[in-house]
Amino acid sequence: MRVLLQIQKNSPPQLSVKDYSDSFRDFVAACLQKNPEQRPTATQLRRFKFVSTTKPTKYLIELIIRYQN
């Protein structure tokens, strides 16, 4: 219960500029909007640069297989 109160009181966390791209930080910031009316829908989130410029999932599957072995 205490955690829920902290979430309500505090600002959302921010990601480090040096560790994450601008497009990823923008995406996460949009997802963490406290006010649901200001939070983008799933359709709107798909238009964010971070999502729209990602490679197809087949590349991710290939990476997972490569590093499992």
PDB file of N, CA and C in Angstrom:
ATOM      1  N   MET A   1       0.819  -1.191   0.000  1.00  0.00           N
ATOM      2  CA  MET A   1       0.000   0.000   0.000  1.00  0.00           C
ATOM      3  C   MET A   1       0.868   1.264   0.000  1.00  0.00           C
ATOM      4  N   ARG A   2       1.951   1.192   0.732  1.00  0.00           N
ATOM      5  CA  ARG A   2       2.850   2.337   0.833  1.00  0.00           C
ATOM      6  C   ARG A   2       3.456   2.693  -0.529  1.00  0.00           C
ATOM      7  N   VAL A   3       3.768   1.674  -1.308  1.00  0.00           N
ATOM      8  CA  VAL A   3       4.341   1.897  -2.637  1.00  0.00           C
ATOM      9  C   VAL A   3       3.349   2.639  -3.520  1.00  0.00           C
ATOM     10  N   LEU A   4       2.096   2.279  -3.453  1.00  0.00           N
ATOM     11  CA  LEU A   4       1.076   2.947  -4.261  1.00  0.00           C
ATOM     12  C   LEU A   4       0.979   4.428  -3.916  1.00  0.00           C
ATOM     13  N   LEU A   5       1.114   4.758  -2.649  1.00  0.00           N
ATOM     14  CA  LEU A   5       1.089   6.165  -2.242  1.00  0.00           C
ATOM     15  C   LEU A   5       2.316   6.910  -2.776  1.00  0.00           C
ATOM     16  N   GLN A   6       3.473   6.248  -2.769  1.00  0.00           N
ATOM     17  CA  GLN A   6       4.688   6.869  -3.296  1.00  0.00           C
ATOM     18  C   GLN A   6       4.561   7.130  -4.793  1.00  0.00           C
ATOM     19  N   ILE A   7       3.976   6.186  -5.510  1.00  0.00           N
ATOM     20  CA  ILE A   7       3.769   6.361  -6.949  1.00  0.00           C
ATOM     21  C   ILE A   7       2.872   7.560  -7.201  1.00  0.00           C
ATOM     22  N   GLN A   8       1.857   7.682  -6.391  1.00  0.00           N
ATOM     23  CA  GLN A   8       0.899   8.778  -6.553  1.00  0.00           C
ATOM     24  C   GLN A   8       1.542  10.135  -6.241  1.00  0.00           C
ATOM     25  N   LYS A   9       2.394  10.197  -5.233  1.00  0.00           N
ATOM     26  CA  LYS A   9       2.999  11.454  -4.794  1.00  0.00           C
ATOM     27  C   LYS A   9       4.170  11.905  -5.668  1.00  0.00           C
ATOM     28  N   ASN A  10       5.030  10.977  -6.024  1.00  0.00           N
ATOM     29  CA  ASN A  10       6.292  11.316  -6.685  1.00  0.00           C
ATOM     30  C   ASN A  10       6.158  11.405  -8.198  1.00  0.00           C
ATOM     31  N   SER A  11       7.111  12.100  -8.782  1.00  0.00           N
ATOM     32  CA  SER A  11       7.194  12.156 -10.244  1.00  0.00           C
ATOM     33  C   SER A  11       7.632  10.791 -10.760  1.00  0.00           C
ATOM     34  N   PRO A  12       7.279  10.475 -12.004  1.00  0.00           N
ATOM     35  CA  PRO A  12       7.734   9.196 -12.550  1.00  0.00           C
ATOM     36  C   PRO A  12       9.253   9.174 -12.688  1.00  0.00           C
ATOM     37  N   PRO A  13       9.856   8.004 -12.607  1.00  0.00           N
ATOM     38  CA  PRO A  13      11.314   7.926 -12.758  1.00  0.00           C
ATOM     39  C   PRO A  13      11.733   8.338 -14.160  1.00  0.00           C
ATOM     40  N   GLN A  14      12.960   8.811 -14.267  1.00  0.00           N
ATOM     41  CA  GLN A  14      13.502   9.206 -15.567  1.00  0.00           C
ATOM     42  C   GLN A  14      14.734   8.360 -15.858  1.00  0.00           C
ATOM     43  N   LEU A  15      14.903   8.035 -17.116  1.00  0.00           N
ATOM     44  CA  LEU A  15      16.040   7.226 -17.531  1.00  0.00           C
ATOM     45  C   LEU A  15      17.246   8.112 -17.815  1.00  0.00           C
ATOM     46  N   SER A  16      18.413   7.569 -17.572  1.00  0.00           N
ATOM     47  CA  SER A  16      19.666   8.283 -17.778  1.00  0.00           C
ATOM     48  C   SER A  16      19.890   8.608 -19.255  1.00  0.00           C
ATOM     49  N   VAL A  17      20.323   9.827 -19.512  1.00  0.00           N
ATOM     50  CA  VAL A  17      20.595  10.273 -20.881  1.00  0.00           C
ATOM     51  C   VAL A  17      21.727   9.450 -21.496  1.00  0.00           C
ATOM     52  N   LYS A  18      22.728   9.125 -20.693  1.00  0.00           N
ATOM     53  CA  LYS A  18      23.892   8.418 -21.239  1.00  0.00           C
ATOM     54  C   LYS A  18      23.624   6.943 -21.514  1.00  0.00           C
ATOM     55  N   ASP A  19      22.627   6.368 -20.864  1.00  0.00           N
ATOM     56  CA  ASP A  19      22.382   4.932 -21.006  1.00  0.00           C
ATOM     57  C   ASP A  19      21.280   4.570 -21.998  1.00  0.00           C
ATOM     58  N   TYR A  20      20.433   5.533 -22.350  1.00  0.00           N
ATOM     59  CA  TYR A  20      19.277   5.228 -23.196  1.00  0.00           C
ATOM     60  C   TYR A  20      19.126   6.279 -24.293  1.00  0.00           C
ATOM     61  N   SER A  21      18.617   5.846 -25.423  1.00  0.00           N
ATOM     62  CA  SER A  21      18.412   6.773 -26.546  1.00  0.00           C
ATOM     63  C   SER A  21      17.267   7.736 -26.243  1.00  0.00           C
ATOM     64  N   ASP A  22      17.273   8.859 -26.941  1.00  0.00           N
ATOM     65  CA  ASP A  22      16.192   9.838 -26.791  1.00  0.00           C
ATOM     66  C   ASP A  22      14.845   9.215 -27.133  1.00  0.00           C
ATOM     67  N   SER A  23      14.819   8.409 -28.191  1.00  0.00           N
ATOM     68  CA  SER A  23      13.542   7.831 -28.615  1.00  0.00           C
ATOM     69  C   SER A  23      12.999   6.858 -27.569  1.00  0.00           C
ATOM     70  N   PHE A  24      13.882   6.096 -26.914  1.00  0.00           N
ATOM     71  CA  PHE A  24      13.426   5.177 -25.873  1.00  0.00           C
ATOM     72  C   PHE A  24      12.940   5.944 -24.646  1.00  0.00           C
ATOM     73  N   ARG A  25      13.682   6.976 -24.259  1.00  0.00           N
ATOM     74  CA  ARG A  25      13.275   7.772 -23.097  1.00  0.00           C
ATOM     75  C   ARG A  25      11.944   8.473 -23.338  1.00  0.00           C
ATOM     76  N   ASP A  26      11.719   8.968 -24.554  1.00  0.00           N
ATOM     77  CA  ASP A  26      10.431   9.586 -24.898  1.00  0.00           C
ATOM     78  C   ASP A  26       9.298   8.574 -24.785  1.00  0.00           C
ATOM     79  N   PHE A  27       9.548   7.366 -25.279  1.00  0.00           N
ATOM     80  CA  PHE A  27       8.544   6.307 -25.234  1.00  0.00           C
ATOM     81  C   PHE A  27       8.182   5.958 -23.785  1.00  0.00           C
ATOM     82  N   VAL A  28       9.194   5.755 -22.957  1.00  0.00           N
ATOM     83  CA  VAL A  28       8.960   5.396 -21.555  1.00  0.00           C
ATOM     84  C   VAL A  28       8.252   6.534 -20.821  1.00  0.00           C
ATOM     85  N   ALA A  29       8.665   7.765 -21.066  1.00  0.00           N
ATOM     86  CA  ALA A  29       8.021   8.915 -20.417  1.00  0.00           C
ATOM     87  C   ALA A  29       6.541   8.984 -20.779  1.00  0.00           C
ATOM     88  N   ALA A  30       6.216   8.704 -22.023  1.00  0.00           N
ATOM     89  CA  ALA A  30       4.811   8.710 -22.445  1.00  0.00           C
ATOM     90  C   ALA A  30       4.034   7.601 -21.745  1.00  0.00           C
ATOM     91  N   CYS A  31       4.649   6.439 -21.615  1.00  0.00           N
ATOM     92  CA  CYS A  31       3.986   5.306 -20.946  1.00  0.00           C
ATOM     93  C   CYS A  31       3.751   5.577 -19.464  1.00  0.00           C
ATOM     94  N   LEU A  32       4.602   6.399 -18.861  1.00  0.00           N
ATOM     95  CA  LEU A  32       4.518   6.648 -17.420  1.00  0.00           C
ATOM     96  C   LEU A  32       3.691   7.879 -17.051  1.00  0.00           C
ATOM     97  N   GLN A  33       2.972   8.439 -17.999  1.00  0.00           N
ATOM     98  CA  GLN A  33       2.089   9.568 -17.689  1.00  0.00           C
ATOM     99  C   GLN A  33       1.092   9.136 -16.618  1.00  0.00           C
ATOM    100  N   LYS A  34       1.010   9.893 -15.537  1.00  0.00           N
ATOM    101  CA  LYS A  34       0.095   9.528 -14.448  1.00  0.00           C
ATOM    102  C   LYS A  34      -1.362   9.697 -14.835  1.00  0.00           C
ATOM    103  N   ASN A  35      -1.646  10.765 -15.543  1.00  0.00           N
ATOM    104  CA  ASN A  35      -3.022  11.039 -15.943  1.00  0.00           C
ATOM    105  C   ASN A  35      -3.374  10.164 -17.148  1.00  0.00           C
ATOM    106  N   PRO A  36      -4.311   9.244 -16.997  1.00  0.00           N
ATOM    107  CA  PRO A  36      -4.665   8.352 -18.107  1.00  0.00           C
ATOM    108  C   PRO A  36      -5.134   9.089 -19.356  1.00  0.00           C
ATOM    109  N   GLU A  37      -5.706  10.263 -19.183  1.00  0.00           N
ATOM    110  CA  GLU A  37      -6.169  11.032 -20.338  1.00  0.00           C
ATOM    111  C   GLU A  37      -4.998  11.581 -21.152  1.00  0.00           C
ATOM    112  N   GLN A  38      -3.854  11.766 -20.514  1.00  0.00           N
ATOM    113  CA  GLN A  38      -2.660  12.257 -21.203  1.00  0.00           C
ATOM    114  C   GLN A  38      -1.785  11.118 -21.724  1.00  0.00           C
ATOM    115  N   ARG A  39      -2.030   9.916 -21.227  1.00  0.00           N
ATOM    116  CA  ARG A  39      -1.244   8.750 -21.634  1.00  0.00           C
ATOM    117  C   ARG A  39      -1.663   8.291 -23.023  1.00  0.00           C
ATOM    118  N   PRO A  40      -0.711   8.036 -23.916  1.00  0.00           N
ATOM    119  CA  PRO A  40      -1.058   7.602 -25.273  1.00  0.00           C
ATOM    120  C   PRO A  40      -1.710   6.219 -25.281  1.00  0.00           C
ATOM    121  N   THR A  41      -2.535   6.004 -26.276  1.00  0.00           N
ATOM    122  CA  THR A  41      -3.132   4.688 -26.480  1.00  0.00           C
ATOM    123  C   THR A  41      -2.078   3.773 -27.105  1.00  0.00           C
ATOM    124  N   ALA A  42      -2.374   2.491 -27.167  1.00  0.00           N
ATOM    125  CA  ALA A  42      -1.448   1.549 -27.800  1.00  0.00           C
ATOM    126  C   ALA A  42      -1.215   1.925 -29.261  1.00  0.00           C
ATOM    127  N   THR A  43      -2.261   2.359 -29.929  1.00  0.00           N
ATOM    128  CA  THR A  43      -2.127   2.773 -31.329  1.00  0.00           C
ATOM    129  C   THR A  43      -1.186   3.964 -31.449  1.00  0.00           C
ATOM    130  N   GLN A  44      -1.321   4.926 -30.548  1.00  0.00           N
ATOM    131  CA  GLN A  44      -0.435   6.092 -30.568  1.00  0.00           C
ATOM    132  C   GLN A  44       1.001   5.699 -30.227  1.00  0.00           C
ATOM    133  N   LEU A  45       1.170   4.783 -29.293  1.00  0.00           N
ATOM    134  CA  LEU A  45       2.514   4.343 -28.916  1.00  0.00           C
ATOM    135  C   LEU A  45       3.224   3.656 -30.076  1.00  0.00           C
ATOM    136  N   ARG A  46       2.485   2.981 -30.915  1.00  0.00           N
ATOM    137  CA  ARG A  46       3.083   2.314 -32.078  1.00  0.00           C
ATOM    138  C   ARG A  46       3.715   3.311 -33.037  1.00  0.00           C
ATOM    139  N   ARG A  47       3.290   4.566 -32.981  1.00  0.00           N
ATOM    140  CA  ARG A  47       3.821   5.601 -33.878  1.00  0.00           C
ATOM    141  C   ARG A  47       5.095   6.258 -33.342  1.00  0.00           C
ATOM    142  N   PHE A  48       5.435   5.987 -32.099  1.00  0.00           N
ATOM    143  CA  PHE A  48       6.653   6.565 -31.532  1.00  0.00           C
ATOM    144  C   PHE A  48       7.866   6.035 -32.287  1.00  0.00           C
ATOM    145  N   LYS A  49       8.863   6.882 -32.426  1.00  0.00           N
ATOM    146  CA  LYS A  49      10.065   6.522 -33.178  1.00  0.00           C
ATOM    147  C   LYS A  49      10.690   5.232 -32.653  1.00  0.00           C
ATOM    148  N   PHE A  50      10.728   5.068 -31.339  1.00  0.00           N
ATOM    149  CA  PHE A  50      11.341   3.877 -30.749  1.00  0.00           C
ATOM    150  C   PHE A  50      10.682   2.598 -31.256  1.00  0.00           C
ATOM    151  N   VAL A  51       9.385   2.618 -31.413  1.00  0.00           N
ATOM    152  CA  VAL A  51       8.651   1.432 -31.863  1.00  0.00           C
ATOM    153  C   VAL A  51       8.655   1.336 -33.382  1.00  0.00           C
ATOM    154  N   SER A  52       8.423   2.443 -34.037  1.00  0.00           N
ATOM    155  CA  SER A  52       8.250   2.410 -35.497  1.00  0.00           C
ATOM    156  C   SER A  52       9.540   2.137 -36.266  1.00  0.00           C
ATOM    157  N   THR A  53      10.683   2.343 -35.630  1.00  0.00           N
ATOM    158  CA  THR A  53      11.948   2.131 -36.339  1.00  0.00           C
ATOM    159  C   THR A  53      12.654   0.844 -35.919  1.00  0.00           C
ATOM    160  N   THR A  54      12.009   0.028 -35.111  1.00  0.00           N
ATOM    161  CA  THR A  54      12.644  -1.220 -34.689  1.00  0.00           C
ATOM    162  C   THR A  54      12.655  -2.228 -35.823  1.00  0.00           C
ATOM    163  N   LYS A  55      13.599  -3.121 -35.750  1.00  0.00           N
ATOM    164  CA  LYS A  55      13.697  -4.172 -36.764  1.00  0.00           C
ATOM    165  C   LYS A  55      12.616  -5.222 -36.509  1.00  0.00           C
ATOM    166  N   PRO A  56      12.270  -5.981 -37.530  1.00  0.00           N
ATOM    167  CA  PRO A  56      11.289  -7.055 -37.338  1.00  0.00           C
ATOM    168  C   PRO A  56      11.761  -8.054 -36.281  1.00  0.00           C
ATOM    169  N   THR A  57      10.826  -8.742 -35.663  1.00  0.00           N
ATOM    170  CA  THR A  57      11.159  -9.653 -34.564  1.00  0.00           C
ATOM    171  C   THR A  57      12.052 -10.808 -34.983  1.00  0.00           C
ATOM    172  N   LYS A  58      12.123 -11.104 -36.267  1.00  0.00           N
ATOM    173  CA  LYS A  58      12.985 -12.216 -36.699  1.00  0.00           C
ATOM    174  C   LYS A  58      14.441 -11.954 -36.309  1.00  0.00           C
ATOM    175  N   TYR A  59      14.859 -10.684 -36.268  1.00  0.00           N
ATOM    176  CA  TYR A  59      16.221 -10.362 -35.851  1.00  0.00           C
ATOM    177  C   TYR A  59      16.424 -10.673 -34.372  1.00  0.00           C
ATOM    178  N   LEU A  60      15.438 -10.391 -33.577  1.00  0.00           N
ATOM    179  CA  LEU A  60      15.514 -10.680 -32.150  1.00  0.00           C
ATOM    180  C   LEU A  60      15.573 -12.183 -31.917  1.00  0.00           C
ATOM    181  N   ILE A  61      14.761 -12.920 -32.638  1.00  0.00           N
ATOM    182  CA  ILE A  61      14.761 -14.378 -32.506  1.00  0.00           C
ATOM    183  C   ILE A  61      16.133 -14.939 -32.874  1.00  0.00           C
ATOM    184  N   GLU A  62      16.722 -14.425 -33.949  1.00  0.00           N
ATOM    185  CA  GLU A  62      18.057 -14.877 -34.360  1.00  0.00           C
ATOM    186  C   GLU A  62      19.098 -14.581 -33.275  1.00  0.00           C
ATOM    187  N   LEU A  63      19.017 -13.406 -32.662  1.00  0.00           N
ATOM    188  CA  LEU A  63      19.961 -13.059 -31.590  1.00  0.00           C
ATOM    189  C   LEU A  63      19.798 -13.978 -30.387  1.00  0.00           C
ATOM    190  N   ILE A  64      18.570 -14.254 -30.016  1.00  0.00           N
ATOM    191  CA  ILE A  64      18.315 -15.137 -28.869  1.00  0.00           C
ATOM    192  C   ILE A  64      18.895 -16.518 -29.130  1.00  0.00           C
ATOM    193  N   ILE A  65      18.642 -17.047 -30.308  1.00  0.00           N
ATOM    194  CA  ILE A  65      19.156 -18.379 -30.656  1.00  0.00           C
ATOM    195  C   ILE A  65      20.683 -18.381 -30.661  1.00  0.00           C
ATOM    196  N   ARG A  66      21.271 -17.338 -31.223  1.00  0.00           N
ATOM    197  CA  ARG A  66      22.735 -17.260 -31.304  1.00  0.00           C
ATOM    198  C   ARG A  66      23.365 -17.257 -29.915  1.00  0.00           C
ATOM    199  N   TYR A  67      22.794 -16.515 -28.986  1.00  0.00           N
ATOM    200  CA  TYR A  67      23.410 -16.379 -27.670  1.00  0.00           C
ATOM    201  C   TYR A  67      22.970 -17.440 -26.678  1.00  0.00           C
ATOM    202  N   GLN A  68      22.011 -18.270 -27.036  1.00  0.00           N
ATOM    203  CA  GLN A  68      21.649 -19.404 -26.187  1.00  0.00           C
ATOM    204  C   GLN A  68      22.703 -20.496 -26.299  1.00  0.00           C
ATOM    205  N   ASN A  69      23.317 -20.576 -27.446  1.00  0.00           N
ATOM    206  CA  ASN A  69      24.288 -21.662 -27.698  1.00  0.00           C
ATOM    207  C   ASN A  69      25.661 -21.319 -27.209  1.00  0.00           C
TER     208      ASN A  69
END
